[in-house]
Amino acid sequence: MGASGLALAGFVAVAAGIAVLRCAWRRQERWHAAAVACGWAVLGAAILIHAAAFSAEVGSAIAVTAFCLAGIAAAAFGLEIRPGRAAAARERFIDPSENPVNLGRAVLRMATTGFLTLVAALAVGMAFTACAPVTAPNAVVFGVFTALVVWAGLAVWAVTDARVLRTGGILLLVAAVAYGLAAWPGVCG
C-alpha cells in the first residue's frame, strides 16, 4: 500500500474515531467507557497511520488537522437549534445604555486586559525562552509564539472574568513567577 493508500486509511480512521466518540458521548450506556477508549484508540492509530504515510512530523500534523476538521464537522452536523431558548435569550439581553458605567471599574478592566495580560504573557514567553531545551534562535521563536498565544488566552480570560481585582492579582502573580524563573540563573538548567 502506497503513501496515498495509507493517507486515505488514516482519514477513514479519523472519521471512524470521531464517529465512535460522538456516538459514545451521545448515548450513556453500559459500554460507554469502552466506546470512548475505542474511539481514542482509533484516533491514535490514525496518527500512527499518517506518520507511516508521511514523516512523523508531517503525518502527525496532518492527522491532528484532520481530527480537528472531522470534530468540527461532527459538531456542525449534530447542531440543534432550539427556537424557545433563542427567544428567551433575546428577552434577557440587557441593553448597555440602560446600565450605568462605573468609570473606575472600566479603567481598571482596561488596564488589566490590556497592560497586565501583556506583561504576564511577555514574562511567560521570556521564561519559555530561557528554559527551552532547544538552540537559542529556536528558543526565541518559540518564546515569541508562546507569548502571543498566552496573551490571547489571558486577554480573553481577563475580559470574561467578572472579578477584576482577582484577575489582576493572578496576572501579577503569573508575571512575577515567570520573570523570576527567566531571570534566576541556573533554574532552567
C-alpha atoms as a PDB file:
ATOM      1  CA  MET A   1       0.000   0.000   0.000  1.00  0.00           C
ATOM      2  CA  GLY A   2       1.468   3.332  -1.040  1.00  0.00           C
ATOM      3  CA  ALA A   3       1.515   6.652   0.750  1.00  0.00           C
ATOM      4  CA  SER A   4      -1.800   7.722  -0.773  1.00  0.00           C
ATOM      5  CA  GLY A   5      -3.479   4.497   0.366  1.00  0.00           C
ATOM      6  CA  LEU A   6      -2.118   4.926   3.878  1.00  0.00           C
ATOM      7  CA  ALA A   7      -3.227   8.562   3.918  1.00  0.00           C
ATOM      8  CA  LEU A   8      -6.736   7.522   2.844  1.00  0.00           C
ATOM      9  CA  ALA A   9      -6.776   4.842   5.543  1.00  0.00           C
ATOM     10  CA  GLY A  10      -5.700   7.474   8.057  1.00  0.00           C
ATOM     11  CA  PHE A  11      -8.532   9.804   7.049  1.00  0.00           C
ATOM     12  CA  VAL A  12     -11.023   6.933   7.311  1.00  0.00           C
ATOM     13  CA  ALA A  13      -9.626   6.109  10.766  1.00  0.00           C
ATOM     14  CA  VAL A  14     -10.042   9.748  11.861  1.00  0.00           C
ATOM     15  CA  ALA A  15     -13.652   9.781  10.653  1.00  0.00           C
ATOM     16  CA  ALA A  16     -14.344   6.441  12.363  1.00  0.00           C
ATOM     17  CA  GLY A  17     -12.761   7.579  15.614  1.00  0.00           C
ATOM     18  CA  ILE A  18     -14.803  10.786  15.663  1.00  0.00           C
ATOM     19  CA  ALA A  19     -17.969   8.832  14.845  1.00  0.00           C
ATOM     20  CA  VAL A  20     -17.337   6.341  17.664  1.00  0.00           C
ATOM     21  CA  LEU A  21     -16.638   9.144  20.152  1.00  0.00           C
ATOM     22  CA  ARG A  22     -19.730  11.064  19.078  1.00  0.00           C
ATOM     23  CA  CYS A  23     -21.956   8.004  19.458  1.00  0.00           C
ATOM     24  CA  ALA A  24     -20.397   7.142  22.815  1.00  0.00           C
ATOM     25  CA  TRP A  25     -20.909  10.634  24.179  1.00  0.00           C
ATOM     26  CA  ARG A  26     -24.468  10.898  22.893  1.00  0.00           C
ATOM     27  CA  ARG A  27     -25.638   7.628  24.476  1.00  0.00           C
ATOM     28  CA  GLN A  28     -24.756   6.882  28.079  1.00  0.00           C
ATOM     29  CA  GLU A  29     -24.925   3.086  28.034  1.00  0.00           C
ATOM     30  CA  ARG A  30     -23.069   0.413  29.924  1.00  0.00           C
ATOM     31  CA  TRP A  31     -20.356   0.215  27.216  1.00  0.00           C
ATOM     32  CA  HIS A  32     -19.734   3.960  27.376  1.00  0.00           C
ATOM     33  CA  ALA A  33     -16.186   3.802  28.792  1.00  0.00           C
ATOM     34  CA  ALA A  34     -15.136   1.079  26.365  1.00  0.00           C
ATOM     35  CA  ALA A  35     -16.553   3.010  23.398  1.00  0.00           C
ATOM     36  CA  VAL A  36     -14.737   6.195  24.438  1.00  0.00           C
ATOM     37  CA  ALA A  37     -11.475   4.277  24.852  1.00  0.00           C
ATOM     38  CA  CYS A  38     -12.009   2.624  21.463  1.00  0.00           C
ATOM     39  CA  GLY A  39     -12.632   5.981  19.789  1.00  0.00           C
ATOM     40  CA  TRP A  40      -9.450   7.476  21.233  1.00  0.00           C
ATOM     41  CA  ALA A  41      -7.503   4.343  20.276  1.00  0.00           C
ATOM     42  CA  VAL A  42      -8.712   4.628  16.681  1.00  0.00           C
ATOM     43  CA  LEU A  43      -7.668   8.296  16.636  1.00  0.00           C
ATOM     44  CA  GLY A  44      -4.245   7.315  17.983  1.00  0.00           C
ATOM     45  CA  ALA A  45      -3.978   4.686  15.278  1.00  0.00           C
ATOM     46  CA  ALA A  46      -4.882   7.342  12.709  1.00  0.00           C
ATOM     47  CA  ILE A  47      -1.927   9.441  13.854  1.00  0.00           C
ATOM     48  CA  LEU A  48       0.373   6.416  13.509  1.00  0.00           C
ATOM     49  CA  ILE A  49      -1.039   5.625  10.050  1.00  0.00           C
ATOM     50  CA  HIS A  50      -0.426   9.192   8.896  1.00  0.00           C
ATOM     51  CA  ALA A  51       3.073   9.084  10.388  1.00  0.00           C
ATOM     52  CA  ALA A  52       3.749   5.929   8.377  1.00  0.00           C
ATOM     53  CA  ALA A  53       2.351   7.500   5.214  1.00  0.00           C
ATOM     54  CA  PHE A  54       4.439  10.646   5.540  1.00  0.00           C
ATOM     55  CA  SER A  55       7.149  11.505   8.040  1.00  0.00           C
ATOM     56  CA  ALA A  56       6.438  11.602  11.774  1.00  0.00           C
ATOM     57  CA  GLU A  57       6.213  15.401  11.890  1.00  0.00           C
ATOM     58  CA  VAL A  58       4.139  15.894   8.751  1.00  0.00           C
ATOM     59  CA  GLY A  59       1.944  12.860   9.378  1.00  0.00           C
ATOM     60  CA  SER A  60       1.077  13.835  12.922  1.00  0.00           C
ATOM     61  CA  ALA A  61       0.298  17.394  11.822  1.00  0.00           C
ATOM     62  CA  ILE A  62      -1.971  16.141   9.048  1.00  0.00           C
ATOM     63  CA  ALA A  63      -3.693  13.702  11.410  1.00  0.00           C
ATOM     64  CA  VAL A  64      -4.335  16.340  14.065  1.00  0.00           C
ATOM     65  CA  THR A  65      -5.643  18.747  11.416  1.00  0.00           C
ATOM     66  CA  ALA A  66      -7.942  16.046  10.034  1.00  0.00           C
ATOM     67  CA  PHE A  67      -9.055  15.259  13.587  1.00  0.00           C
ATOM     68  CA  CYS A  68      -9.965  18.914  14.212  1.00  0.00           C
ATOM     69  CA  LEU A  69     -11.822  19.240  10.912  1.00  0.00           C
ATOM     70  CA  ALA A  70     -13.737  16.000  11.488  1.00  0.00           C
ATOM     71  CA  GLY A  71     -14.647  17.135  15.004  1.00  0.00           C
ATOM     72  CA  ILE A  72     -15.926  20.460  13.699  1.00  0.00           C
ATOM     73  CA  ALA A  73     -17.946  18.664  11.019  1.00  0.00           C
ATOM     74  CA  ALA A  74     -19.415  16.251  13.589  1.00  0.00           C
ATOM     75  CA  ALA A  75     -20.355  19.159  15.837  1.00  0.00           C
ATOM     76  CA  ALA A  76     -21.911  21.050  12.930  1.00  0.00           C
ATOM     77  CA  PHE A  77     -23.987  18.063  11.814  1.00  0.00           C
ATOM     78  CA  GLY A  78     -25.196  17.442  15.347  1.00  0.00           C
ATOM     79  CA  LEU A  79     -26.163  21.061  15.990  1.00  0.00           C
ATOM     80  CA  GLU A  80     -29.693  21.605  17.232  1.00  0.00           C
ATOM     81  CA  ILE A  81     -31.349  24.991  17.046  1.00  0.00           C
ATOM     82  CA  ARG A  82     -33.996  25.440  19.686  1.00  0.00           C
ATOM     83  CA  PRO A  83     -36.166  28.464  18.969  1.00  0.00           C
ATOM     84  CA  GLY A  84     -37.560  28.641  22.506  1.00  0.00           C
ATOM     85  CA  ARG A  85     -34.165  29.249  24.075  1.00  0.00           C
ATOM     86  CA  ALA A  86     -33.146  31.803  21.460  1.00  0.00           C
ATOM     87  CA  ALA A  87     -36.247  33.892  22.119  1.00  0.00           C
ATOM     88  CA  ALA A  88     -35.714  33.726  25.866  1.00  0.00           C
ATOM     89  CA  ALA A  89     -32.085  34.760  25.454  1.00  0.00           C
ATOM     90  CA  ARG A  90     -33.092  37.787  23.383  1.00  0.00           C
ATOM     91  CA  GLU A  91     -35.565  38.841  26.059  1.00  0.00           C
ATOM     92  CA  ARG A  92     -32.934  38.577  28.796  1.00  0.00           C
ATOM     93  CA  PHE A  93     -30.469  40.756  26.883  1.00  0.00           C
ATOM     94  CA  ILE A  94     -29.569  43.832  28.856  1.00  0.00           C
ATOM     95  CA  ASP A  95     -29.124  46.952  26.809  1.00  0.00           C
ATOM     96  CA  PRO A  96     -25.774  48.580  27.667  1.00  0.00           C
ATOM     97  CA  SER A  97     -27.351  52.015  27.508  1.00  0.00           C
ATOM     98  CA  GLU A  98     -29.622  51.052  30.437  1.00  0.00           C
ATOM     99  CA  ASN A  99     -26.692  50.129  32.704  1.00  0.00           C
ATOM    100  CA  PRO A 100     -24.712  52.914  34.320  1.00  0.00           C
ATOM    101  CA  VAL A 101     -20.967  52.746  33.653  1.00  0.00           C
ATOM    102  CA  ASN A 102     -18.606  52.748  36.595  1.00  0.00           C
ATOM    103  CA  LEU A 103     -15.625  54.719  35.277  1.00  0.00           C
ATOM    104  CA  GLY A 104     -13.123  53.403  37.826  1.00  0.00           C
ATOM    105  CA  ARG A 105     -14.096  49.806  37.124  1.00  0.00           C
ATOM    106  CA  ALA A 106     -13.883  50.390  33.370  1.00  0.00           C
ATOM    107  CA  VAL A 107     -10.383  51.869  33.674  1.00  0.00           C
ATOM    108  CA  LEU A 108      -9.286  49.005  35.926  1.00  0.00           C
ATOM    109  CA  ARG A 109     -10.666  46.418  33.483  1.00  0.00           C
ATOM    110  CA  MET A 110      -8.924  48.151  30.567  1.00  0.00           C
ATOM    111  CA  ALA A 111      -5.613  48.206  32.445  1.00  0.00           C
ATOM    112  CA  THR A 112      -5.997  44.575  33.444  1.00  0.00           C
ATOM    113  CA  THR A 113      -6.991  43.392  29.989  1.00  0.00           C
ATOM    114  CA  GLY A 114      -4.523  45.495  28.047  1.00  0.00           C
ATOM    115  CA  PHE A 115      -1.465  46.033  30.195  1.00  0.00           C
ATOM    116  CA  LEU A 116      -1.319  43.242  32.768  1.00  0.00           C
ATOM    117  CA  THR A 117      -2.112  40.495  30.266  1.00  0.00           C
ATOM    118  CA  LEU A 118       0.696  41.756  28.028  1.00  0.00           C
ATOM    119  CA  VAL A 119       3.162  41.887  30.933  1.00  0.00           C
ATOM    120  CA  ALA A 120       2.246  38.370  32.096  1.00  0.00           C
ATOM    121  CA  ALA A 121       2.384  36.954  28.547  1.00  0.00           C
ATOM    122  CA  LEU A 122       5.795  38.508  27.895  1.00  0.00           C
ATOM    123  CA  ALA A 123       7.015  37.077  31.187  1.00  0.00           C
ATOM    124  CA  VAL A 124       5.813  33.599  30.235  1.00  0.00           C
ATOM    125  CA  GLY A 125       7.449  33.991  26.808  1.00  0.00           C
ATOM    126  CA  MET A 126      10.741  35.048  28.399  1.00  0.00           C
ATOM    127  CA  ALA A 127      10.612  32.140  30.844  1.00  0.00           C
ATOM    128  CA  PHE A 128       9.955  29.752  27.983  1.00  0.00           C
ATOM    129  CA  THR A 129      12.847  31.242  26.006  1.00  0.00           C
ATOM    130  CA  ALA A 130      15.175  30.902  28.992  1.00  0.00           C
ATOM    131  CA  CYS A 131      14.090  27.355  29.826  1.00  0.00           C
ATOM    132  CA  ALA A 132      13.506  25.851  26.378  1.00  0.00           C
ATOM    133  CA  PRO A 133      15.768  22.869  25.690  1.00  0.00           C
ATOM    134  CA  VAL A 134      16.497  23.968  22.115  1.00  0.00           C
ATOM    135  CA  THR A 135      19.037  26.193  20.408  1.00  0.00           C
ATOM    136  CA  ALA A 136      18.889  29.931  21.035  1.00  0.00           C
ATOM    137  CA  PRO A 137      17.259  31.040  17.735  1.00  0.00           C
ATOM    138  CA  ASN A 138      14.576  28.368  18.045  1.00  0.00           C
ATOM    139  CA  ALA A 139      14.003  29.247  21.696  1.00  0.00           C
ATOM    140  CA  VAL A 140      13.369  32.874  20.763  1.00  0.00           C
ATOM    141  CA  VAL A 141      10.877  31.876  18.064  1.00  0.00           C
ATOM    142  CA  PHE A 142       9.082  29.508  20.433  1.00  0.00           C
ATOM    143  CA  GLY A 143       9.138  32.132  23.184  1.00  0.00           C
ATOM    144  CA  VAL A 144       7.561  34.797  20.962  1.00  0.00           C
ATOM    145  CA  PHE A 145       4.917  32.384  19.704  1.00  0.00           C
ATOM    146  CA  THR A 146       4.195  31.271  23.268  1.00  0.00           C
ATOM    147  CA  ALA A 147       3.876  34.894  24.398  1.00  0.00           C
ATOM    148  CA  LEU A 148       1.354  35.651  21.637  1.00  0.00           C
ATOM    149  CA  VAL A 149      -0.785  32.614  22.365  1.00  0.00           C
ATOM    150  CA  VAL A 150      -0.662  33.209  26.124  1.00  0.00           C
ATOM    151  CA  TRP A 151      -1.520  36.883  25.620  1.00  0.00           C
ATOM    152  CA  ALA A 152      -4.597  35.966  23.596  1.00  0.00           C
ATOM    153  CA  GLY A 153      -5.734  33.460  26.191  1.00  0.00           C
ATOM    154  CA  LEU A 154      -5.123  35.774  29.109  1.00  0.00           C
ATOM    155  CA  ALA A 155      -6.909  38.654  27.381  1.00  0.00           C
ATOM    156  CA  VAL A 156      -9.978  36.514  26.743  1.00  0.00           C
ATOM    157  CA  TRP A 157      -9.945  35.326  30.344  1.00  0.00           C
ATOM    158  CA  ALA A 158      -9.477  38.861  31.690  1.00  0.00           C
ATOM    159  CA  VAL A 159     -12.398  40.189  29.649  1.00  0.00           C
ATOM    160  CA  THR A 160     -14.770  37.398  30.661  1.00  0.00           C
ATOM    161  CA  ASP A 161     -13.936  37.270  34.373  1.00  0.00           C
ATOM    162  CA  ALA A 162     -16.267  39.430  36.428  1.00  0.00           C
ATOM    163  CA  ARG A 163     -13.825  39.891  39.312  1.00  0.00           C
ATOM    164  CA  VAL A 164     -11.323  42.429  38.076  1.00  0.00           C
ATOM    165  CA  LEU A 165      -9.163  42.569  41.203  1.00  0.00           C
ATOM    166  CA  ARG A 166      -8.789  38.789  41.347  1.00  0.00           C
ATOM    167  CA  THR A 167      -7.820  38.746  37.674  1.00  0.00           C
ATOM    168  CA  GLY A 168      -5.248  41.495  38.203  1.00  0.00           C
ATOM    169  CA  GLY A 169      -3.770  39.729  41.217  1.00  0.00           C
ATOM    170  CA  ILE A 170      -3.427  36.420  39.395  1.00  0.00           C
ATOM    171  CA  LEU A 171      -1.853  38.142  36.389  1.00  0.00           C
ATOM    172  CA  LEU A 172       0.666  39.915  38.641  1.00  0.00           C
ATOM    173  CA  LEU A 173       1.494  36.608  40.336  1.00  0.00           C
ATOM    174  CA  VAL A 174       1.981  34.862  36.965  1.00  0.00           C
ATOM    175  CA  ALA A 175       4.224  37.694  35.775  1.00  0.00           C
ATOM    176  CA  ALA A 176       6.319  37.669  38.957  1.00  0.00           C
ATOM    177  CA  VAL A 177       6.822  33.893  38.886  1.00  0.00           C
ATOM    178  CA  ALA A 178       7.632  33.835  35.169  1.00  0.00           C
ATOM    179  CA  TYR A 179      10.065  36.766  35.361  1.00  0.00           C
ATOM    180  CA  GLY A 180      11.709  35.158  38.375  1.00  0.00           C
ATOM    181  CA  LEU A 181      12.046  31.879  36.512  1.00  0.00           C
ATOM    182  CA  ALA A 182      13.551  33.634  33.498  1.00  0.00           C
ATOM    183  CA  ALA A 183      15.963  35.769  35.493  1.00  0.00           C
ATOM    184  CA  TRP A 184      17.142  33.299  38.115  1.00  0.00           C
ATOM    185  CA  PRO A 185      20.429  31.773  36.937  1.00  0.00           C
ATOM    186  CA  GLY A 186      20.635  28.001  36.947  1.00  0.00           C
ATOM    187  CA  VAL A 187      16.932  27.303  37.493  1.00  0.00           C
ATOM    188  CA  CYS A 188      16.276  26.042  33.982  1.00  0.00           C
ATOM    189  CA  GLY A 189      19.487  24.153  33.536  1.00  0.00           C
END
